[in-house]
Amino acid sequence: MHGRPSFVITTDGWPRRATPTRRCLDPTSPEAQTELARRHKAAATTVLGLLVATLLLSVIAFLGKPYFRQQVNPPLDIAVRILILILGLGAIAWRRTKFGAMRLQDIVGLQGVTGLLKTLEKTTIQLALMGAAITTVGFIATLATGNDLYTYWAGAIAVVVLVYCYPTKSSWLRTLYRFTERAPQPTEG
């Protein structure tokens, strides 16, 4: 049919163009395993890179300490603490929302194995970027106030977020197998 494109309503409530029927990958197929390895490596490399960047910002704050001029700024102090708290708790809430069982089940139903792997990779990178944002906020506060402790404790919180979101290949495999199981067909008789 060459009429209007068909749309489906996704779990987030937004209509999206229905994808044409395509070959559904079996989670044990070599193509699916290659896709898993590629996406896992990209996500893990991103998380590790941001972890190294977090540690480097702490080292820069330590080495720059003699050059900073202490400036007390209570409103900035409270704002930074609140922002870091929101980003840290937001990362936990974001992960729990995006990796919810019903959501992942819907994604597998609509997009198959590839969609599930894309979601795992994308969400992991988003969480890692939240951790990097925590570190950046702390470092900017250090530059603004001259207090290097902002970078240290923001870096510590960011390390916790980055370790929390680090993708283990075994957990991705378990997720892949869990949500792509075929329901047994009822037997007549």
N, C-alpha and C. Protein backbone atom coordinates (compact mmCIF):
# COMPACT_ATOMS: atom_id res chain seq x y z
N MET A 1 0.82 -1.17 0.00
CA MET A 1 0.00 0.00 0.00
C MET A 1 0.87 1.24 0.00
N HIS A 2 0.56 2.16 -0.86
CA HIS A 2 1.36 3.37 -0.95
C HIS A 2 0.57 4.59 -0.49
N GLY A 3 -0.28 4.43 0.50
CA GLY A 3 -1.07 5.53 1.03
C GLY A 3 -0.26 6.30 2.08
N ARG A 4 -0.96 6.77 3.06
CA ARG A 4 -0.31 7.48 4.15
C ARG A 4 0.48 6.50 5.00
N PRO A 5 1.59 6.99 5.61
CA PRO A 5 2.36 6.09 6.47
C PRO A 5 1.59 5.76 7.74
N SER A 6 1.80 4.56 8.24
CA SER A 6 1.11 4.17 9.47
C SER A 6 1.95 4.57 10.68
N PHE A 7 1.27 4.84 11.77
CA PHE A 7 1.93 5.27 12.99
C PHE A 7 1.53 4.34 14.13
N VAL A 8 2.43 4.23 15.12
CA VAL A 8 2.14 3.48 16.34
C VAL A 8 2.36 4.42 17.52
N ILE A 9 1.66 4.16 18.60
CA ILE A 9 1.85 4.93 19.82
C ILE A 9 2.84 4.16 20.69
N THR A 10 3.93 4.81 21.08
CA THR A 10 4.97 4.14 21.86
C THR A 10 4.69 4.28 23.34
N THR A 11 5.57 3.67 24.16
CA THR A 11 5.36 3.68 25.61
C THR A 11 5.43 5.07 26.21
N ASP A 12 6.12 5.99 25.54
CA ASP A 12 6.19 7.35 26.07
C ASP A 12 5.02 8.21 25.61
N GLY A 13 4.09 7.61 24.86
CA GLY A 13 2.88 8.32 24.48
C GLY A 13 2.97 9.10 23.18
N TRP A 14 4.11 9.06 22.50
CA TRP A 14 4.27 9.83 21.27
C TRP A 14 4.11 8.92 20.06
N PRO A 15 3.43 9.42 19.03
CA PRO A 15 3.29 8.58 17.83
C PRO A 15 4.62 8.55 17.06
N ARG A 16 4.93 7.40 16.53
CA ARG A 16 6.12 7.24 15.70
C ARG A 16 5.72 6.46 14.47
N ARG A 17 6.44 6.70 13.39
CA ARG A 17 6.17 5.98 12.16
C ARG A 17 6.48 4.51 12.37
N ALA A 18 5.56 3.67 11.97
CA ALA A 18 5.75 2.24 12.12
C ALA A 18 6.87 1.79 11.19
N THR A 19 7.75 0.98 11.71
CA THR A 19 8.85 0.49 10.88
C THR A 19 8.36 -0.66 10.04
N PRO A 20 8.84 -0.75 8.83
CA PRO A 20 8.41 -1.86 7.99
C PRO A 20 8.88 -3.18 8.60
N THR A 21 8.17 -4.24 8.27
CA THR A 21 8.54 -5.53 8.84
C THR A 21 9.93 -5.88 8.34
N ARG A 22 10.78 -6.24 9.30
CA ARG A 22 12.12 -6.62 8.92
C ARG A 22 12.47 -7.91 9.62
N ARG A 23 13.52 -8.49 9.19
CA ARG A 23 13.96 -9.76 9.77
C ARG A 23 14.29 -9.54 11.24
N CYS A 24 13.65 -10.31 12.09
CA CYS A 24 13.86 -10.19 13.52
C CYS A 24 15.08 -11.03 13.91
N LEU A 25 16.05 -10.39 14.53
CA LEU A 25 17.27 -11.10 14.92
C LEU A 25 17.00 -12.02 16.10
N ASP A 26 17.57 -13.19 16.03
CA ASP A 26 17.54 -14.10 17.16
C ASP A 26 18.67 -13.66 18.09
N PRO A 27 18.43 -13.58 19.41
CA PRO A 27 19.47 -13.08 20.31
C PRO A 27 20.74 -13.93 20.32
N THR A 28 20.63 -15.18 19.88
CA THR A 28 21.83 -16.03 19.86
C THR A 28 22.54 -16.01 18.51
N SER A 29 21.99 -15.30 17.55
CA SER A 29 22.60 -15.27 16.22
C SER A 29 23.91 -14.50 16.24
N PRO A 30 24.81 -14.81 15.32
CA PRO A 30 26.09 -14.08 15.27
C PRO A 30 25.91 -12.58 15.05
N GLU A 31 24.90 -12.21 14.26
CA GLU A 31 24.66 -10.78 14.00
C GLU A 31 24.28 -10.06 15.29
N ALA A 32 23.40 -10.68 16.09
CA ALA A 32 22.98 -10.06 17.35
C ALA A 32 24.14 -9.99 18.33
N GLN A 33 24.96 -11.02 18.37
CA GLN A 33 26.10 -11.02 19.28
C GLN A 33 27.14 -9.98 18.85
N THR A 34 27.32 -9.81 17.56
CA THR A 34 28.23 -8.78 17.05
C THR A 34 27.72 -7.39 17.40
N GLU A 35 26.42 -7.20 17.20
CA GLU A 35 25.79 -5.91 17.55
C GLU A 35 25.93 -5.63 19.05
N LEU A 36 25.71 -6.65 19.86
CA LEU A 36 25.85 -6.52 21.31
C LEU A 36 27.28 -6.12 21.68
N ALA A 37 28.25 -6.82 21.11
CA ALA A 37 29.66 -6.52 21.41
C ALA A 37 30.03 -5.10 21.00
N ARG A 38 29.57 -4.68 19.82
CA ARG A 38 29.89 -3.34 19.32
C ARG A 38 29.28 -2.26 20.20
N ARG A 39 28.01 -2.40 20.51
CA ARG A 39 27.34 -1.38 21.32
C ARG A 39 27.84 -1.37 22.76
N HIS A 40 28.13 -2.55 23.30
CA HIS A 40 28.66 -2.61 24.67
C HIS A 40 30.03 -1.95 24.73
N LYS A 41 30.86 -2.21 23.75
CA LYS A 41 32.20 -1.60 23.73
C LYS A 41 32.11 -0.08 23.65
N ALA A 42 31.20 0.42 22.83
CA ALA A 42 31.04 1.87 22.70
C ALA A 42 30.57 2.49 24.02
N ALA A 43 29.61 1.86 24.67
CA ALA A 43 29.10 2.40 25.94
C ALA A 43 30.15 2.31 27.04
N ALA A 44 30.83 1.17 27.13
CA ALA A 44 31.84 0.98 28.17
C ALA A 44 33.01 1.95 27.97
N THR A 45 33.42 2.15 26.73
CA THR A 45 34.51 3.09 26.45
C THR A 45 34.12 4.51 26.82
N THR A 46 32.88 4.88 26.54
CA THR A 46 32.41 6.22 26.90
C THR A 46 32.41 6.41 28.41
N VAL A 47 31.90 5.43 29.14
CA VAL A 47 31.85 5.53 30.60
C VAL A 47 33.27 5.62 31.17
N LEU A 48 34.16 4.77 30.69
CA LEU A 48 35.54 4.80 31.18
C LEU A 48 36.24 6.12 30.83
N GLY A 49 35.98 6.64 29.64
CA GLY A 49 36.56 7.93 29.24
C GLY A 49 36.09 9.06 30.15
N LEU A 50 34.82 9.06 30.49
CA LEU A 50 34.29 10.10 31.38
C LEU A 50 34.78 9.91 32.81
N LEU A 51 35.03 8.68 33.19
CA LEU A 51 35.61 8.42 34.51
C LEU A 51 37.03 8.98 34.59
N VAL A 52 37.80 8.77 33.54
CA VAL A 52 39.15 9.34 33.48
C VAL A 52 39.10 10.87 33.49
N ALA A 53 38.15 11.44 32.74
CA ALA A 53 38.00 12.91 32.72
C ALA A 53 37.65 13.44 34.11
N THR A 54 36.81 12.70 34.84
CA THR A 54 36.45 13.10 36.20
C THR A 54 37.69 13.13 37.10
N LEU A 55 38.49 12.10 37.00
CA LEU A 55 39.71 12.05 37.81
C LEU A 55 40.70 13.13 37.40
N LEU A 56 40.78 13.41 36.10
CA LEU A 56 41.68 14.48 35.64
C LEU A 56 41.25 15.86 36.14
N LEU A 57 39.94 16.11 36.20
CA LEU A 57 39.48 17.40 36.73
C LEU A 57 39.84 17.54 38.21
N SER A 58 39.79 16.44 38.94
CA SER A 58 40.20 16.49 40.36
C SER A 58 41.69 16.77 40.48
N VAL A 59 42.48 16.18 39.61
CA VAL A 59 43.93 16.44 39.62
C VAL A 59 44.21 17.90 39.25
N ILE A 60 43.49 18.42 38.27
CA ILE A 60 43.67 19.82 37.88
C ILE A 60 43.30 20.74 39.04
N ALA A 61 42.22 20.43 39.74
CA ALA A 61 41.83 21.24 40.91
C ALA A 61 42.90 21.19 41.99
N PHE A 62 43.50 20.01 42.18
CA PHE A 62 44.54 19.87 43.19
C PHE A 62 45.78 20.67 42.79
N LEU A 63 46.18 20.56 41.54
CA LEU A 63 47.38 21.27 41.08
C LEU A 63 47.15 22.78 40.99
N GLY A 64 45.92 23.19 40.75
CA GLY A 64 45.62 24.61 40.63
C GLY A 64 45.31 25.30 41.94
N LYS A 65 45.30 24.54 43.02
CA LYS A 65 44.93 25.09 44.33
C LYS A 65 45.73 26.35 44.71
N PRO A 66 47.05 26.41 44.47
CA PRO A 66 47.78 27.64 44.83
C PRO A 66 47.37 28.87 44.03
N TYR A 67 46.76 28.64 42.88
CA TYR A 67 46.38 29.76 42.02
C TYR A 67 44.96 30.25 42.24
N PHE A 68 44.18 29.51 43.03
CA PHE A 68 42.80 29.91 43.30
C PHE A 68 42.75 30.91 44.44
N ARG A 69 41.85 31.86 44.32
CA ARG A 69 41.64 32.83 45.39
C ARG A 69 40.30 32.52 46.04
N GLN A 70 40.34 32.28 47.34
CA GLN A 70 39.13 31.91 48.08
C GLN A 70 38.13 33.06 48.08
N GLN A 71 36.90 32.77 47.66
CA GLN A 71 35.82 33.74 47.67
C GLN A 71 34.58 33.04 48.22
N VAL A 72 34.14 33.45 49.38
CA VAL A 72 32.96 32.84 49.98
C VAL A 72 31.72 33.32 49.24
N ASN A 73 30.87 32.38 48.84
CA ASN A 73 29.66 32.71 48.10
C ASN A 73 28.55 31.72 48.53
N PRO A 74 27.85 32.03 49.64
CA PRO A 74 26.83 31.09 50.15
C PRO A 74 25.72 30.76 49.15
N PRO A 75 25.20 31.72 48.37
CA PRO A 75 24.15 31.33 47.42
C PRO A 75 24.66 30.33 46.36
N LEU A 76 25.87 30.53 45.91
CA LEU A 76 26.45 29.60 44.94
C LEU A 76 26.66 28.22 45.58
N ASP A 77 27.09 28.23 46.83
CA ASP A 77 27.31 26.98 47.55
C ASP A 77 26.03 26.15 47.60
N ILE A 78 24.94 26.79 48.00
CA ILE A 78 23.66 26.09 48.09
C ILE A 78 23.19 25.64 46.70
N ALA A 79 23.33 26.51 45.71
CA ALA A 79 22.89 26.17 44.35
C ALA A 79 23.66 24.97 43.80
N VAL A 80 24.97 24.95 44.03
CA VAL A 80 25.79 23.84 43.54
C VAL A 80 25.39 22.54 44.23
N ARG A 81 25.20 22.59 45.53
CA ARG A 81 24.81 21.38 46.26
C ARG A 81 23.47 20.84 45.79
N ILE A 82 22.52 21.74 45.59
CA ILE A 82 21.19 21.32 45.13
C ILE A 82 21.27 20.74 43.71
N LEU A 83 22.02 21.40 42.84
CA LEU A 83 22.15 20.93 41.46
C LEU A 83 22.81 19.56 41.41
N ILE A 84 23.85 19.36 42.18
CA ILE A 84 24.53 18.06 42.19
C ILE A 84 23.62 16.98 42.78
N LEU A 85 22.86 17.33 43.81
CA LEU A 85 21.91 16.39 44.38
C LEU A 85 20.86 15.99 43.35
N ILE A 86 20.33 16.97 42.63
CA ILE A 86 19.31 16.69 41.62
C ILE A 86 19.89 15.81 40.50
N LEU A 87 21.10 16.12 40.05
CA LEU A 87 21.71 15.32 38.99
C LEU A 87 22.01 13.89 39.46
N GLY A 88 22.49 13.74 40.68
CA GLY A 88 22.79 12.41 41.20
C GLY A 88 21.55 11.56 41.37
N LEU A 89 20.53 12.12 42.02
CA LEU A 89 19.28 11.37 42.20
C LEU A 89 18.54 11.21 40.87
N GLY A 90 18.69 12.22 40.01
CA GLY A 90 18.09 12.14 38.68
C GLY A 90 18.67 11.00 37.85
N ALA A 91 19.97 10.76 38.01
CA ALA A 91 20.60 9.66 37.28
C ALA A 91 20.00 8.31 37.72
N ILE A 92 19.77 8.18 39.01
CA ILE A 92 19.18 6.93 39.51
C ILE A 92 17.75 6.77 38.99
N ALA A 93 16.98 7.85 39.07
CA ALA A 93 15.59 7.79 38.59
C ALA A 93 15.54 7.55 37.08
N TRP A 94 16.44 8.18 36.34
CA TRP A 94 16.48 8.03 34.89
C TRP A 94 16.76 6.57 34.51
N ARG A 95 17.73 5.98 35.21
CA ARG A 95 18.09 4.59 34.93
C ARG A 95 16.92 3.66 35.24
N ARG A 96 16.29 3.86 36.37
CA ARG A 96 15.17 2.99 36.75
C ARG A 96 14.00 3.15 35.78
N THR A 97 13.79 4.36 35.28
CA THR A 97 12.71 4.59 34.33
C THR A 97 13.03 3.98 32.98
N LYS A 98 14.21 4.24 32.47
CA LYS A 98 14.56 3.78 31.13
C LYS A 98 14.79 2.27 31.06
N PHE A 99 15.20 1.66 32.17
CA PHE A 99 15.42 0.22 32.18
C PHE A 99 14.28 -0.53 32.84
N GLY A 100 13.11 0.07 32.88
CA GLY A 100 11.94 -0.60 33.43
C GLY A 100 11.54 -1.79 32.57
N ALA A 101 11.07 -2.85 33.22
CA ALA A 101 10.76 -4.09 32.51
C ALA A 101 9.69 -3.89 31.43
N MET A 102 8.64 -3.19 31.74
CA MET A 102 7.57 -2.98 30.76
C MET A 102 8.06 -2.18 29.56
N ARG A 103 8.88 -1.18 29.82
CA ARG A 103 9.41 -0.35 28.74
C ARG A 103 10.30 -1.17 27.82
N LEU A 104 11.21 -1.95 28.41
CA LEU A 104 12.10 -2.77 27.59
C LEU A 104 11.34 -3.83 26.81
N GLN A 105 10.29 -4.35 27.41
CA GLN A 105 9.46 -5.34 26.72
C GLN A 105 8.78 -4.70 25.51
N ASP A 106 8.27 -3.48 25.68
CA ASP A 106 7.65 -2.76 24.56
C ASP A 106 8.66 -2.47 23.46
N ILE A 107 9.87 -2.11 23.85
CA ILE A 107 10.90 -1.81 22.85
C ILE A 107 11.24 -3.05 22.05
N VAL A 108 11.36 -4.19 22.72
CA VAL A 108 11.64 -5.44 22.00
C VAL A 108 10.48 -5.76 21.06
N GLY A 109 9.26 -5.54 21.53
CA GLY A 109 8.09 -5.81 20.70
C GLY A 109 8.03 -4.94 19.47
N LEU A 110 8.42 -3.68 19.59
CA LEU A 110 8.35 -2.75 18.47
C LEU A 110 9.60 -2.76 17.59
N GLN A 111 10.77 -2.88 18.21
CA GLN A 111 12.01 -2.69 17.45
C GLN A 111 12.93 -3.91 17.45
N GLY A 112 12.61 -4.92 18.22
CA GLY A 112 13.40 -6.14 18.22
C GLY A 112 14.70 -6.01 19.00
N VAL A 113 15.60 -6.94 18.72
CA VAL A 113 16.87 -7.02 19.42
C VAL A 113 17.70 -5.75 19.21
N THR A 114 17.71 -5.25 17.99
CA THR A 114 18.49 -4.05 17.68
C THR A 114 17.99 -2.86 18.49
N GLY A 115 16.69 -2.70 18.60
CA GLY A 115 16.12 -1.61 19.38
C GLY A 115 16.47 -1.71 20.85
N LEU A 116 16.47 -2.93 21.37
CA LEU A 116 16.83 -3.13 22.77
C LEU A 116 18.30 -2.76 23.01
N LEU A 117 19.17 -3.20 22.13
CA LEU A 117 20.58 -2.88 22.29
C LEU A 117 20.84 -1.38 22.13
N LYS A 118 20.13 -0.75 21.21
CA LYS A 118 20.25 0.72 21.06
C LYS A 118 19.83 1.42 22.34
N THR A 119 18.75 0.96 22.93
CA THR A 119 18.25 1.57 24.17
C THR A 119 19.25 1.39 25.30
N LEU A 120 19.81 0.20 25.44
CA LEU A 120 20.80 -0.04 26.49
C LEU A 120 22.01 0.89 26.32
N GLU A 121 22.47 1.01 25.08
CA GLU A 121 23.64 1.86 24.82
C GLU A 121 23.32 3.34 25.06
N LYS A 122 22.21 3.79 24.51
CA LYS A 122 21.84 5.21 24.62
C LYS A 122 21.62 5.63 26.07
N THR A 123 20.91 4.80 26.82
CA THR A 123 20.64 5.14 28.22
C THR A 123 21.92 5.13 29.05
N THR A 124 22.79 4.17 28.80
CA THR A 124 24.06 4.12 29.52
C THR A 124 24.88 5.38 29.26
N ILE A 125 24.92 5.82 28.02
CA ILE A 125 25.68 7.03 27.68
C ILE A 125 25.02 8.27 28.31
N GLN A 126 23.71 8.32 28.33
CA GLN A 126 23.02 9.44 28.97
C GLN A 126 23.36 9.51 30.46
N LEU A 127 23.38 8.37 31.12
CA LEU A 127 23.72 8.34 32.54
C LEU A 127 25.17 8.77 32.77
N ALA A 128 26.05 8.33 31.90
CA ALA A 128 27.45 8.72 32.02
C ALA A 128 27.61 10.23 31.82
N LEU A 129 26.83 10.80 30.93
CA LEU A 129 26.89 12.25 30.73
C LEU A 129 26.36 13.01 31.94
N MET A 130 25.39 12.42 32.65
CA MET A 130 24.94 13.04 33.90
C MET A 130 26.06 13.06 34.92
N GLY A 131 26.82 11.97 34.99
CA GLY A 131 27.98 11.93 35.88
C GLY A 131 29.01 12.97 35.50
N ALA A 132 29.25 13.13 34.20
CA ALA A 132 30.20 14.14 33.74
C ALA A 132 29.69 15.55 34.06
N ALA A 133 28.38 15.74 33.97
CA ALA A 133 27.81 17.06 34.31
C ALA A 133 28.02 17.37 35.78
N ILE A 134 27.92 16.36 36.64
CA ILE A 134 28.15 16.57 38.08
C ILE A 134 29.59 17.05 38.30
N THR A 135 30.53 16.38 37.65
CA THR A 135 31.94 16.79 37.79
C THR A 135 32.16 18.19 37.26
N THR A 136 31.56 18.50 36.14
CA THR A 136 31.74 19.82 35.52
C THR A 136 31.19 20.91 36.43
N VAL A 137 30.03 20.68 37.01
CA VAL A 137 29.45 21.67 37.93
C VAL A 137 30.38 21.90 39.11
N GLY A 138 30.92 20.83 39.66
CA GLY A 138 31.85 20.97 40.78
C GLY A 138 33.11 21.73 40.39
N PHE A 139 33.63 21.45 39.21
CA PHE A 139 34.85 22.13 38.77
C PHE A 139 34.59 23.61 38.50
N ILE A 140 33.45 23.93 37.92
CA ILE A 140 33.10 25.34 37.67
C ILE A 140 32.94 26.07 39.00
N ALA A 141 32.34 25.40 39.99
CA ALA A 141 32.20 26.01 41.31
C ALA A 141 33.58 26.24 41.94
N THR A 142 34.51 25.33 41.70
CA THR A 142 35.87 25.51 42.19
C THR A 142 36.51 26.73 41.55
N LEU A 143 36.33 26.88 40.26
CA LEU A 143 36.89 28.05 39.56
C LEU A 143 36.26 29.35 40.05
N ALA A 144 34.96 29.31 40.36
CA ALA A 144 34.26 30.52 40.78
C ALA A 144 34.58 30.92 42.21
N THR A 145 34.78 29.93 43.08
CA THR A 145 34.97 30.25 44.50
C THR A 145 36.39 30.04 45.00
N GLY A 146 37.19 29.29 44.26
CA GLY A 146 38.54 28.99 44.70
C GLY A 146 38.60 27.84 45.69
N ASN A 147 37.48 27.22 46.00
CA ASN A 147 37.44 26.10 46.94
C ASN A 147 37.52 24.80 46.15
N ASP A 148 38.66 24.11 46.26
CA ASP A 148 38.86 22.89 45.49
C ASP A 148 38.02 21.71 45.99
N LEU A 149 37.43 21.83 47.15
CA LEU A 149 36.60 20.75 47.68
C LEU A 149 35.36 20.50 46.82
N TYR A 150 34.87 21.52 46.14
CA TYR A 150 33.72 21.31 45.24
C TYR A 150 34.04 20.24 44.21
N THR A 151 35.22 20.35 43.60
CA THR A 151 35.60 19.38 42.58
C THR A 151 35.77 18.00 43.18
N TYR A 152 36.33 17.92 44.38
CA TYR A 152 36.58 16.62 44.99
C TYR A 152 35.28 15.88 45.31
N TRP A 153 34.36 16.56 46.01
CA TRP A 153 33.15 15.83 46.37
C TRP A 153 32.21 15.65 45.17
N ALA A 154 32.22 16.59 44.23
CA ALA A 154 31.43 16.38 43.01
C ALA A 154 32.03 15.23 42.21
N GLY A 155 33.37 15.15 42.19
CA GLY A 155 34.03 14.05 41.51
C GLY A 155 33.71 12.71 42.15
N ALA A 156 33.65 12.69 43.48
CA ALA A 156 33.32 11.45 44.19
C ALA A 156 31.90 11.00 43.85
N ILE A 157 30.98 11.94 43.82
CA ILE A 157 29.59 11.60 43.47
C ILE A 157 29.51 11.15 42.01
N ALA A 158 30.26 11.81 41.15
CA ALA A 158 30.26 11.43 39.73
C ALA A 158 30.84 10.03 39.55
N VAL A 159 31.88 9.69 40.31
CA VAL A 159 32.45 8.34 40.21
C VAL A 159 31.40 7.31 40.62
N VAL A 160 30.64 7.60 41.66
CA VAL A 160 29.57 6.67 42.08
C VAL A 160 28.55 6.51 40.95
N VAL A 161 28.15 7.61 40.32
CA VAL A 161 27.18 7.54 39.22
C VAL A 161 27.77 6.76 38.05
N LEU A 162 29.03 7.01 37.72
CA LEU A 162 29.65 6.33 36.59
C LEU A 162 29.83 4.83 36.85
N VAL A 163 30.18 4.47 38.07
CA VAL A 163 30.29 3.05 38.40
C VAL A 163 28.90 2.40 38.39
N TYR A 164 27.90 3.13 38.87
CA TYR A 164 26.53 2.65 38.89
C TYR A 164 26.01 2.37 37.47
N CYS A 165 26.41 3.20 36.53
CA CYS A 165 25.89 3.02 35.17
C CYS A 165 26.82 2.20 34.28
N TYR A 166 27.97 1.75 34.81
CA TYR A 166 28.91 1.01 33.97
C TYR A 166 28.24 -0.26 33.45
N PRO A 167 28.29 -0.48 32.15
CA PRO A 167 27.59 -1.63 31.57
C PRO A 167 28.44 -2.89 31.63
N THR A 168 27.95 -3.90 32.32
CA THR A 168 28.64 -5.18 32.28
C THR A 168 28.02 -6.00 31.15
N LYS A 169 28.86 -6.69 30.44
CA LYS A 169 28.36 -7.44 29.29
C LYS A 169 27.41 -8.54 29.73
N SER A 170 27.67 -9.13 30.89
CA SER A 170 26.79 -10.20 31.37
C SER A 170 25.38 -9.67 31.67
N SER A 171 25.29 -8.45 32.21
CA SER A 171 23.96 -7.90 32.48
C SER A 171 23.23 -7.57 31.18
N TRP A 172 23.95 -7.11 30.17
CA TRP A 172 23.32 -6.85 28.88
C TRP A 172 22.84 -8.17 28.25
N LEU A 173 23.65 -9.22 28.37
CA LEU A 173 23.24 -10.53 27.83
C LEU A 173 22.00 -11.05 28.55
N ARG A 174 21.99 -10.94 29.88
CA ARG A 174 20.81 -11.39 30.64
C ARG A 174 19.57 -10.62 30.21
N THR A 175 19.72 -9.30 30.03
CA THR A 175 18.59 -8.48 29.59
C THR A 175 18.14 -8.90 28.21
N LEU A 176 19.09 -9.12 27.32
CA LEU A 176 18.77 -9.52 25.96
C LEU A 176 18.00 -10.84 25.94
N TYR A 177 18.48 -11.82 26.69
CA TYR A 177 17.81 -13.12 26.71
C TYR A 177 16.46 -13.06 27.44
N ARG A 178 16.39 -12.26 28.48
CA ARG A 178 15.15 -12.17 29.25
C ARG A 178 14.01 -11.59 28.41
N PHE A 179 14.30 -10.53 27.67
CA PHE A 179 13.21 -9.85 26.96
C PHE A 179 12.99 -10.36 25.54
N THR A 180 13.80 -11.30 25.08
CA THR A 180 13.58 -11.83 23.73
C THR A 180 13.16 -13.29 23.75
N GLU A 181 12.81 -13.80 24.93
CA GLU A 181 12.30 -15.18 25.00
C GLU A 181 11.00 -15.27 24.22
N ARG A 182 10.87 -16.35 23.51
CA ARG A 182 9.63 -16.58 22.77
C ARG A 182 8.62 -17.24 23.71
N ALA A 183 7.41 -16.77 23.67
CA ALA A 183 6.35 -17.39 24.48
C ALA A 183 6.02 -18.76 23.91
N PRO A 184 5.88 -19.77 24.76
CA PRO A 184 5.57 -21.11 24.24
C PRO A 184 4.19 -21.13 23.59
N GLN A 185 4.10 -21.81 22.48
CA GLN A 185 2.84 -21.90 21.75
C GLN A 185 1.95 -22.95 22.43
N PRO A 186 0.67 -22.63 22.65
CA PRO A 186 -0.21 -23.62 23.28
C PRO A 186 -0.42 -24.82 22.35
N THR A 187 -0.44 -25.98 22.93
CA THR A 187 -0.67 -27.18 22.13
C THR A 187 -2.13 -27.58 22.23
N GLU A 188 -2.64 -28.03 21.14
CA GLU A 188 -4.04 -28.44 21.12
C GLU A 188 -4.11 -29.93 21.43
N GLY A 189 -5.10 -30.31 22.16
CA GLY A 189 -5.26 -31.71 22.28
C GLY A 189 -5.65 -32.19 23.56
